[in-house]
Amino acid sequence: MIPTIYLIRHATPDWSRTDLVYHLPPGPPLTPQGEAEAAKLGDFLRDMDVRHIFTSPLVRCSRTAEIAGGAVGLAAQEDTRLAELRPEEKAPEILARLWPVWVHAGELCLDSGPVALVTHGGPIALLLTELGLDSKQLAHYKSTFDRSNPLPPAGAWRAVRVSPDAPWSLELAFTPEAHRARAWFV
């Protein structure tokens, strides 16, 4: 089985909830738009035959994973290492907590199929860099989407590795807007 991992950013949260600390649980909840995005993400994950979903503990991720997982028939498993960047953390510390999750997902998908990791834009950007995404490409995506994120809310990068010694092949595989357009043509 070819290892396939989806790096997913949470759906649109309620940015107006300034009473909640953004990087600590629970964080802001999803908006109705975010809930709709998560449902479209679920359709995509079902189509991709995702077998496991892991999520950050922040409610914007866990709710995204819950809604998307419902479409797939999967319950998301919380992993605190997928949490949002904290102001005091440096990139090497963040990668040190994220990398074991990545390795576990890679091993798991060899046995059972595609794995989805629902997290935040910052951790995804660091993982994409670590996996070899060109800095110019990353800069392009970060300038394309909101808040300097490398993908939109409820968007997904697909990472595929054809052999253990091959580099990961990376592509932006899903955005809720593209999914809507794709459904129109089907």
Protein backbone atom coordinates (compact mmCIF):
# COMPACT_ATOMS: atom_id res chain seq x y z
CA MET A 1 0.00 0.00 0.00
CA ILE A 2 1.36 3.44 -0.90
CA PRO A 3 1.55 5.69 2.18
CA THR A 4 -0.81 8.64 1.87
CA ILE A 5 -1.24 11.28 4.56
CA TYR A 6 -3.56 14.29 4.40
CA LEU A 7 -2.48 17.42 6.27
CA ILE A 8 -5.70 19.28 6.98
CA ARG A 9 -6.26 22.75 8.34
CA HIS A 10 -9.31 23.23 10.55
CA ALA A 11 -12.41 24.85 9.04
CA THR A 12 -13.28 28.55 9.57
CA PRO A 13 -13.39 29.48 13.26
CA ASP A 14 -15.20 32.40 14.85
CA TRP A 15 -12.43 35.00 14.65
CA SER A 16 -14.59 37.44 16.65
CA ARG A 17 -14.20 35.34 19.82
CA THR A 18 -11.40 37.44 21.29
CA ASP A 19 -12.41 36.24 24.76
CA LEU A 20 -10.81 32.86 23.97
CA VAL A 21 -7.04 32.36 23.74
CA TYR A 22 -6.39 31.24 20.18
CA HIS A 23 -3.57 28.77 20.88
CA LEU A 24 -4.99 27.16 24.04
CA PRO A 25 -7.96 24.79 24.33
CA PRO A 26 -10.75 25.26 23.73
CA GLY A 27 -9.98 28.14 21.36
CA PRO A 28 -12.71 29.60 19.16
CA PRO A 29 -15.46 27.35 17.77
CA LEU A 30 -16.37 26.94 14.11
CA THR A 31 -18.75 29.29 12.37
CA PRO A 32 -21.70 27.96 10.36
CA GLN A 33 -19.49 28.48 7.27
CA GLY A 34 -16.81 26.35 8.98
CA GLU A 35 -19.31 23.59 9.68
CA ALA A 36 -20.29 23.55 5.99
CA GLU A 37 -16.60 23.45 4.97
CA ALA A 38 -16.02 20.49 7.30
CA ALA A 39 -18.92 18.63 5.69
CA LYS A 40 -17.38 19.13 2.22
CA LEU A 41 -14.05 17.95 3.63
CA GLY A 42 -15.82 14.82 4.88
CA ASP A 43 -17.06 14.06 1.37
CA PHE A 44 -13.49 14.41 0.08
CA LEU A 45 -12.04 12.17 2.81
CA ARG A 46 -14.70 9.55 2.10
CA ASP A 47 -13.81 9.67 -1.60
CA MET A 48 -10.12 9.24 -0.68
CA ASP A 49 -10.95 6.23 1.54
CA VAL A 50 -9.30 7.73 4.64
CA ARG A 51 -9.01 5.11 7.39
CA HIS A 52 -7.81 7.14 10.40
CA ILE A 53 -8.25 10.74 11.56
CA PHE A 54 -6.11 12.39 14.22
CA THR A 55 -6.87 15.87 15.50
CA SER A 56 -5.51 18.74 17.53
CA PRO A 57 -7.34 19.20 20.85
CA LEU A 58 -8.52 22.72 19.96
CA VAL A 59 -12.24 22.79 19.26
CA ARG A 60 -11.88 24.26 15.76
CA CYS A 61 -9.91 21.13 14.81
CA SER A 62 -11.81 18.57 16.83
CA ARG A 63 -15.15 19.81 15.48
CA THR A 64 -13.80 19.81 11.91
CA ALA A 65 -12.60 16.24 12.44
CA GLU A 66 -15.89 15.21 14.04
CA ILE A 67 -17.98 16.51 11.14
CA ALA A 68 -15.62 15.20 8.45
CA GLY A 69 -15.21 11.89 10.26
CA GLY A 70 -18.99 11.47 10.33
CA ALA A 71 -19.03 11.37 6.53
CA VAL A 72 -16.33 8.69 6.58
CA GLY A 73 -17.75 6.75 9.51
CA LEU A 74 -14.68 7.40 11.65
CA ALA A 75 -14.19 8.86 15.10
CA ALA A 76 -11.23 11.21 15.30
CA GLN A 77 -8.48 10.48 17.80
CA GLU A 78 -7.13 13.49 19.70
CA ASP A 79 -3.37 14.03 19.73
CA THR A 80 -2.13 17.02 21.71
CA ARG A 81 1.06 17.16 19.62
CA LEU A 82 -1.04 18.47 16.70
CA ALA A 83 -1.90 21.61 18.70
CA GLU A 84 -1.53 25.17 17.49
CA LEU A 85 1.83 26.91 17.66
CA ARG A 86 2.46 28.52 21.03
CA PRO A 87 4.10 31.96 21.17
CA GLU A 88 7.07 30.68 23.16
CA GLU A 89 7.81 27.72 20.85
CA LYS A 90 10.60 27.74 18.29
CA ALA A 91 10.47 25.79 15.03
CA PRO A 92 12.77 22.94 16.23
CA GLU A 93 10.55 22.37 19.29
CA ILE A 94 7.41 22.34 17.18
CA LEU A 95 8.90 19.85 14.74
CA ALA A 96 10.07 17.70 17.65
CA ARG A 97 6.48 17.32 18.82
CA LEU A 98 4.97 16.97 15.33
CA TRP A 99 7.44 14.54 13.78
CA PRO A 100 6.49 11.48 15.89
CA VAL A 101 2.85 12.00 14.86
CA TRP A 102 3.96 12.10 11.22
CA VAL A 103 6.03 8.93 11.58
CA HIS A 104 3.16 7.11 13.30
CA ALA A 105 0.74 8.21 10.54
CA GLY A 106 3.18 6.95 7.91
CA GLU A 107 3.43 3.55 9.58
CA LEU A 108 -0.31 3.33 10.11
CA CYS A 109 -1.19 4.09 6.50
CA LEU A 110 1.15 1.32 5.29
CA ASP A 111 -1.06 -1.20 7.07
CA SER A 112 -4.54 0.24 6.74
CA GLY A 113 -4.74 3.07 4.20
CA PRO A 114 -4.77 6.87 4.10
CA VAL A 115 -4.49 8.89 7.32
CA ALA A 116 -5.74 12.44 7.96
CA LEU A 117 -4.10 14.83 10.43
CA VAL A 118 -6.36 17.77 11.34
CA THR A 119 -4.24 20.59 12.70
CA HIS A 120 -3.40 24.26 12.10
CA GLY A 121 -1.75 26.28 9.34
CA GLY A 122 1.48 26.93 11.25
CA PRO A 123 2.25 23.28 12.00
CA ILE A 124 1.32 22.34 8.43
CA ALA A 125 3.73 24.94 7.03
CA LEU A 126 6.55 23.54 9.17
CA LEU A 127 5.80 19.96 8.12
CA LEU A 128 5.62 20.93 4.43
CA THR A 129 9.04 22.57 4.74
CA GLU A 130 10.47 19.53 6.54
CA LEU A 131 9.02 17.28 3.83
CA GLY A 132 10.80 19.25 1.12
CA LEU A 133 8.28 21.72 -0.26
CA ASP A 134 10.22 24.43 -2.09
CA SER A 135 10.31 27.72 -0.16
CA LYS A 136 9.03 29.65 -3.19
CA GLN A 137 6.04 27.33 -3.50
CA LEU A 138 5.31 27.64 0.21
CA ALA A 139 5.55 31.44 -0.02
CA HIS A 140 3.14 31.38 -2.95
CA TYR A 141 0.53 29.40 -1.01
CA LYS A 142 1.01 31.50 2.12
CA SER A 143 0.33 34.64 0.07
CA THR A 144 -2.73 33.05 -1.55
CA PHE A 145 -4.72 32.09 1.54
CA ASP A 146 -5.88 33.90 4.67
CA ARG A 147 -3.60 34.78 7.56
CA SER A 148 -0.43 33.56 5.76
CA ASN A 149 -1.55 29.93 5.88
CA PRO A 150 -0.40 27.43 3.23
CA LEU A 151 -3.98 26.28 2.63
CA PRO A 152 -7.51 27.59 3.18
CA PRO A 153 -9.79 26.60 6.06
CA ALA A 154 -10.73 22.91 5.67
CA GLY A 155 -8.10 22.54 2.94
CA ALA A 156 -5.93 19.44 2.62
CA TRP A 157 -2.41 18.75 1.38
CA ARG A 158 -1.78 15.20 0.21
CA ALA A 159 1.60 13.60 0.90
CA VAL A 160 2.41 10.37 -0.95
CA ARG A 161 5.58 8.29 -0.76
CA VAL A 162 6.08 5.62 -3.39
CA SER A 163 8.94 3.89 -1.56
CA PRO A 164 10.68 4.17 1.82
CA ASP A 165 13.72 5.90 0.30
CA ALA A 166 11.74 8.23 -2.00
CA PRO A 167 10.90 11.81 -1.06
CA TRP A 168 7.33 12.66 -0.19
CA SER A 169 5.31 13.97 -3.14
CA LEU A 170 3.23 16.94 -1.99
CA GLU A 171 0.16 18.55 -3.54
CA LEU A 172 -2.65 20.79 -2.41
CA ALA A 173 -5.39 18.20 -2.92
CA PHE A 174 -8.57 19.80 -1.60
CA THR A 175 -10.17 23.16 -0.97
CA PRO A 176 -13.86 23.55 -0.14
CA GLU A 177 -14.29 25.99 -3.06
CA ALA A 178 -12.73 23.60 -5.59
CA HIS A 179 -14.87 20.77 -4.23
CA ARG A 180 -17.97 22.85 -4.91
CA ALA A 181 -16.78 23.54 -8.46
CA ARG A 182 -15.89 19.88 -9.02
CA ALA A 183 -19.36 18.78 -7.94
CA TRP A 184 -20.88 21.14 -10.52
CA PHE A 185 -19.00 19.45 -13.36
CA VAL A 186 -19.75 15.88 -12.26
